[in-house]
Amino acid sequence: ETLIYAKFPQHDLGFRNLAVAGDEVAFRHRSENFGTPDDWLTKVKADVIFAFFGFNESFGGEAGLAKFKTDLDKFLKDTKAKTYGNNGSARLVLFSPIANEKLNDPNAPDPAANNARLKLYTAAMAEVAAANGVPFVDLYVISERLYAEAARRAQPLTFNSLHLTEAGNRALAPEIFRALFGEAAPKGKLEKLRAAVLDKNAEWRARYRTVDGYNVYGGRSKLEF
């Protein structure tokens, strides 16, 4: 996010993170009366949607692959057909999950089984994205390369093989930028800009991810005291 703001300061860009841990393309667990994904995309007037899916679904293995492809195909078609913002039909970029990192720690899990599934689901995502004319960023392959480079320095990029550390995010962000725009990410002193981005994101999270959504949106929200 910081890198994109730095590249395009002349545009009035706005980023809103609508994700919640565990989201799947066809299932998003939210509080009662929270609103549908379409409701929120309309509220934030989304023109470009970065869609990150596939990790949770990958635990379905080969047996779940056909349903995942069907669900993903429907999501892409439905979303592209809608207008949420002020610039016509929504534009999508689809991102695969990252790979799981092999850590040099005997207590860390072996990521081989997870990665075998993730490769299957990444390939399926690439296929469905191509069929729908949607740009696709293969974070699985990118992250594997970054892990290999980090291993040579004995500096892992995750703390549990699947969640990135700050160093991991700093390594991955420029790669995402390059995949999106075909050029190197901006360099220089971006600390103040990133601090502003983090502050804005904290304020947005407090609104979107309220501590007890059932009190704000759900059954208790209509109680009178």
Protein backbone atom coordinates (compact mmCIF):
# COMPACT_ATOMS: atom_id res chain seq x y z
CA GLU A 1 0.00 0.00 0.00
CA THR A 2 2.78 2.43 0.92
CA LEU A 3 4.65 1.68 -2.29
CA ILE A 4 1.58 2.30 -4.46
CA TYR A 5 0.86 5.61 -2.73
CA ALA A 6 4.49 6.60 -3.28
CA LYS A 7 4.33 5.72 -6.97
CA PHE A 8 1.09 7.60 -7.65
CA PRO A 9 1.00 10.69 -5.38
CA GLN A 10 -1.01 12.58 -7.99
CA HIS A 11 -3.99 10.23 -7.62
CA ASP A 12 -6.49 10.39 -4.79
CA LEU A 13 -6.07 6.73 -3.90
CA GLY A 14 -7.86 5.06 -1.03
CA PHE A 15 -7.25 1.53 0.30
CA ARG A 16 -9.73 -0.35 2.49
CA ASN A 17 -8.99 -3.83 3.81
CA LEU A 18 -12.23 -5.85 3.88
CA ALA A 19 -10.57 -9.18 4.71
CA VAL A 20 -11.02 -11.25 7.85
CA ALA A 21 -8.85 -14.23 8.78
CA GLY A 22 -10.34 -17.44 7.43
CA ASP A 23 -12.23 -15.82 4.53
CA GLU A 24 -13.00 -18.09 1.61
CA VAL A 25 -14.20 -17.06 -1.82
CA ALA A 26 -17.68 -18.46 -1.12
CA PHE A 27 -17.83 -18.04 2.66
CA ARG A 28 -17.05 -15.01 4.86
CA HIS A 29 -17.83 -15.37 8.55
CA ARG A 30 -19.28 -12.10 9.87
CA SER A 31 -21.60 -10.90 12.62
CA GLU A 32 -25.34 -10.94 12.08
CA ASN A 33 -26.52 -7.97 9.95
CA PHE A 34 -22.90 -7.02 9.20
CA GLY A 35 -23.66 -6.68 5.50
CA THR A 36 -22.66 -8.68 2.45
CA PRO A 37 -19.34 -8.32 0.63
CA ASP A 38 -21.22 -6.40 -2.07
CA ASP A 39 -22.65 -4.05 0.55
CA TRP A 40 -19.17 -3.18 1.79
CA LEU A 41 -17.63 -2.91 -1.66
CA THR A 42 -20.40 -0.42 -2.44
CA LYS A 43 -19.82 1.49 0.82
CA VAL A 44 -16.12 1.94 0.05
CA LYS A 45 -16.81 2.63 -3.66
CA ALA A 46 -14.30 0.03 -4.80
CA ASP A 47 -13.01 0.46 -8.35
CA VAL A 48 -10.12 -2.04 -8.15
CA ILE A 49 -10.33 -5.17 -6.00
CA PHE A 50 -7.28 -7.14 -4.86
CA ALA A 51 -8.67 -10.61 -4.12
CA PHE A 52 -6.58 -12.97 -1.98
CA PHE A 53 -8.04 -16.47 -1.68
CA GLY A 54 -7.08 -20.13 -1.83
CA PHE A 55 -5.29 -20.85 1.45
CA ASN A 56 -8.27 -21.87 3.56
CA GLU A 57 -9.84 -23.68 0.63
CA SER A 58 -6.64 -25.64 -0.04
CA PHE A 59 -7.26 -27.81 3.03
CA GLY A 60 -10.04 -29.43 1.00
CA GLY A 61 -7.33 -31.11 -1.07
CA GLU A 62 -8.00 -32.61 -4.47
CA ALA A 63 -11.56 -33.47 -3.47
CA GLY A 64 -12.39 -29.79 -2.98
CA LEU A 65 -10.67 -28.50 -6.10
CA ALA A 66 -13.66 -28.68 -8.47
CA LYS A 67 -15.94 -26.77 -6.09
CA PHE A 68 -13.27 -24.17 -5.47
CA LYS A 69 -12.85 -23.55 -9.20
CA THR A 70 -16.62 -23.25 -9.65
CA ASP A 71 -16.92 -20.84 -6.72
CA LEU A 72 -13.97 -18.77 -7.91
CA ASP A 73 -15.29 -18.60 -11.46
CA LYS A 74 -18.67 -17.36 -10.19
CA PHE A 75 -17.02 -14.79 -7.91
CA LEU A 76 -14.92 -13.35 -10.75
CA LYS A 77 -17.82 -13.20 -13.20
CA ASP A 78 -20.25 -11.71 -10.68
CA THR A 79 -17.79 -9.12 -9.39
CA LYS A 80 -16.65 -7.97 -12.83
CA ALA A 81 -20.27 -7.41 -13.81
CA LYS A 82 -20.89 -4.93 -10.97
CA THR A 83 -20.14 -1.27 -10.40
CA TYR A 84 -19.25 -0.23 -6.88
CA GLY A 85 -17.40 3.03 -7.43
CA ASN A 86 -17.49 5.92 -9.87
CA ASN A 87 -15.36 4.49 -12.67
CA GLY A 88 -17.43 1.77 -14.28
CA SER A 89 -17.30 -1.97 -13.78
CA ALA A 90 -15.04 -3.31 -11.03
CA ARG A 91 -11.52 -4.34 -11.98
CA LEU A 92 -9.98 -7.35 -10.28
CA VAL A 93 -6.52 -8.69 -9.55
CA LEU A 94 -6.39 -12.23 -8.15
CA PHE A 95 -3.56 -13.32 -5.85
CA SER A 96 -2.58 -16.86 -4.90
CA PRO A 97 -1.62 -17.83 -1.35
CA ILE A 98 2.04 -17.71 -0.39
CA ALA A 99 3.91 -20.98 0.13
CA ASN A 100 4.68 -22.33 3.59
CA GLU A 101 8.30 -21.82 4.61
CA LYS A 102 10.58 -24.66 5.69
CA LEU A 103 12.08 -23.46 8.95
CA ASN A 104 15.36 -24.68 10.43
CA ASP A 105 13.63 -25.63 13.64
CA PRO A 106 12.91 -29.23 14.72
CA ASN A 107 9.73 -28.05 16.46
CA ALA A 108 8.34 -26.36 13.34
CA PRO A 109 5.89 -28.28 11.15
CA ASP A 110 7.02 -29.76 7.85
CA PRO A 111 5.29 -27.64 5.16
CA ALA A 112 5.50 -30.29 2.42
CA ALA A 113 1.89 -31.49 2.64
CA ASN A 114 0.48 -27.96 2.82
CA ASN A 115 2.63 -26.84 -0.10
CA ALA A 116 1.55 -29.75 -2.26
CA ARG A 117 -2.07 -28.65 -1.80
CA LEU A 118 -1.24 -24.99 -2.25
CA LYS A 119 0.45 -25.71 -5.59
CA LEU A 120 -2.71 -27.43 -6.81
CA TYR A 121 -4.91 -24.54 -5.78
CA THR A 122 -2.53 -21.93 -7.19
CA ALA A 123 -2.57 -23.68 -10.56
CA ALA A 124 -6.37 -23.80 -10.44
CA MET A 125 -6.52 -20.07 -9.66
CA ALA A 126 -4.25 -19.27 -12.59
CA GLU A 127 -6.50 -21.30 -14.89
CA VAL A 128 -9.73 -19.67 -13.72
CA ALA A 129 -8.21 -16.17 -13.79
CA ALA A 130 -7.01 -16.66 -17.37
CA ALA A 131 -10.44 -17.92 -18.45
CA ASN A 132 -12.00 -14.74 -17.06
CA GLY A 133 -9.38 -12.29 -18.31
CA VAL A 134 -8.37 -11.37 -14.75
CA PRO A 135 -4.73 -10.54 -13.92
CA PHE A 136 -3.19 -13.16 -11.65
CA VAL A 137 -0.22 -12.81 -9.29
CA ASP A 138 1.43 -16.10 -8.33
CA LEU A 139 2.59 -15.39 -4.78
CA TYR A 140 3.34 -19.08 -4.27
CA VAL A 141 6.26 -19.05 -6.70
CA ILE A 142 7.43 -15.61 -5.58
CA SER A 143 7.43 -16.58 -1.90
CA GLU A 144 9.30 -19.84 -2.57
CA ARG A 145 12.08 -17.83 -4.21
CA LEU A 146 12.18 -15.35 -1.33
CA TYR A 147 12.33 -18.19 1.21
CA ALA A 148 15.27 -19.76 -0.61
CA GLU A 149 17.13 -16.44 -0.63
CA ALA A 150 16.36 -15.90 3.06
CA ALA A 151 17.51 -19.42 3.96
CA ARG A 152 20.94 -18.69 2.50
CA ARG A 153 21.16 -15.75 4.92
CA ALA A 154 19.70 -17.84 7.78
CA GLN A 155 16.97 -15.21 8.15
CA PRO A 156 13.48 -16.77 7.94
CA LEU A 157 10.61 -14.66 6.62
CA THR A 158 7.85 -16.30 8.68
CA PHE A 159 7.55 -17.04 12.39
CA ASN A 160 5.54 -20.25 12.05
CA SER A 161 6.11 -21.23 8.39
CA LEU A 162 2.92 -19.55 7.12
CA HIS A 163 2.59 -16.07 8.67
CA LEU A 164 5.06 -13.45 7.48
CA THR A 165 7.25 -11.46 9.85
CA GLU A 166 7.80 -7.75 9.24
CA ALA A 167 10.93 -8.74 7.29
CA GLY A 168 8.78 -11.09 5.23
CA ASN A 169 6.29 -8.37 4.42
CA ARG A 170 9.10 -6.00 3.47
CA ALA A 171 10.50 -8.65 1.13
CA LEU A 172 7.17 -9.54 -0.46
CA ALA A 173 5.73 -6.03 -0.95
CA PRO A 174 8.19 -4.92 -3.68
CA GLU A 175 7.61 -8.22 -5.49
CA ILE A 176 3.84 -7.60 -5.50
CA PHE A 177 4.48 -4.08 -6.79
CA ARG A 178 6.67 -5.41 -9.62
CA ALA A 179 4.05 -8.01 -10.55
CA LEU A 180 1.34 -5.33 -10.70
CA PHE A 181 3.21 -2.58 -12.52
CA GLY A 182 6.10 -4.28 -14.29
CA GLU A 183 8.75 -2.12 -12.68
CA ALA A 184 10.80 -1.83 -9.51
CA ALA A 185 9.11 -0.43 -6.42
CA PRO A 186 9.86 3.14 -5.32
CA LYS A 187 12.85 3.54 -3.06
CA GLY A 188 13.80 6.21 -0.58
CA LYS A 189 12.60 7.31 2.81
CA LEU A 190 9.04 6.05 3.04
CA GLU A 191 8.84 5.68 6.83
CA LYS A 192 6.58 8.73 7.37
CA LEU A 193 4.25 7.62 4.59
CA ARG A 194 4.09 4.09 5.96
CA ALA A 195 3.38 5.42 9.45
CA ALA A 196 0.44 7.38 8.06
CA VAL A 197 -0.80 4.28 6.23
CA LEU A 198 -0.63 2.22 9.43
CA ASP A 199 -2.45 4.92 11.39
CA LYS A 200 -5.20 5.10 8.77
CA ASN A 201 -5.50 1.31 8.74
CA ALA A 202 -5.85 1.22 12.53
CA GLU A 203 -8.73 3.72 12.34
CA TRP A 204 -10.38 1.71 9.55
CA ARG A 205 -10.01 -1.57 11.45
CA ALA A 206 -11.68 -0.01 14.51
CA ARG A 207 -14.69 0.77 12.30
CA TYR A 208 -14.80 -2.37 10.16
CA ARG A 209 -13.61 -4.92 12.72
CA THR A 210 -15.41 -3.76 15.85
CA VAL A 211 -14.57 -5.73 18.99
CA ASP A 212 -18.11 -7.08 19.39
CA GLY A 213 -19.89 -6.88 16.06
CA TYR A 214 -23.01 -8.52 17.47
CA ASN A 215 -23.51 -5.44 19.67
CA VAL A 216 -22.94 -3.06 16.76
CA TYR A 217 -24.65 -4.82 13.85
CA GLY A 218 -26.40 -7.88 15.24
CA GLY A 219 -29.16 -8.91 17.62
CA ARG A 220 -28.03 -6.80 20.57
CA SER A 221 -27.71 -3.64 18.48
CA LYS A 222 -31.46 -2.95 18.80
CA LEU A 223 -31.62 -3.33 22.58
CA GLU A 224 -32.61 -0.26 24.60
CA PHE A 225 -31.14 0.45 28.02
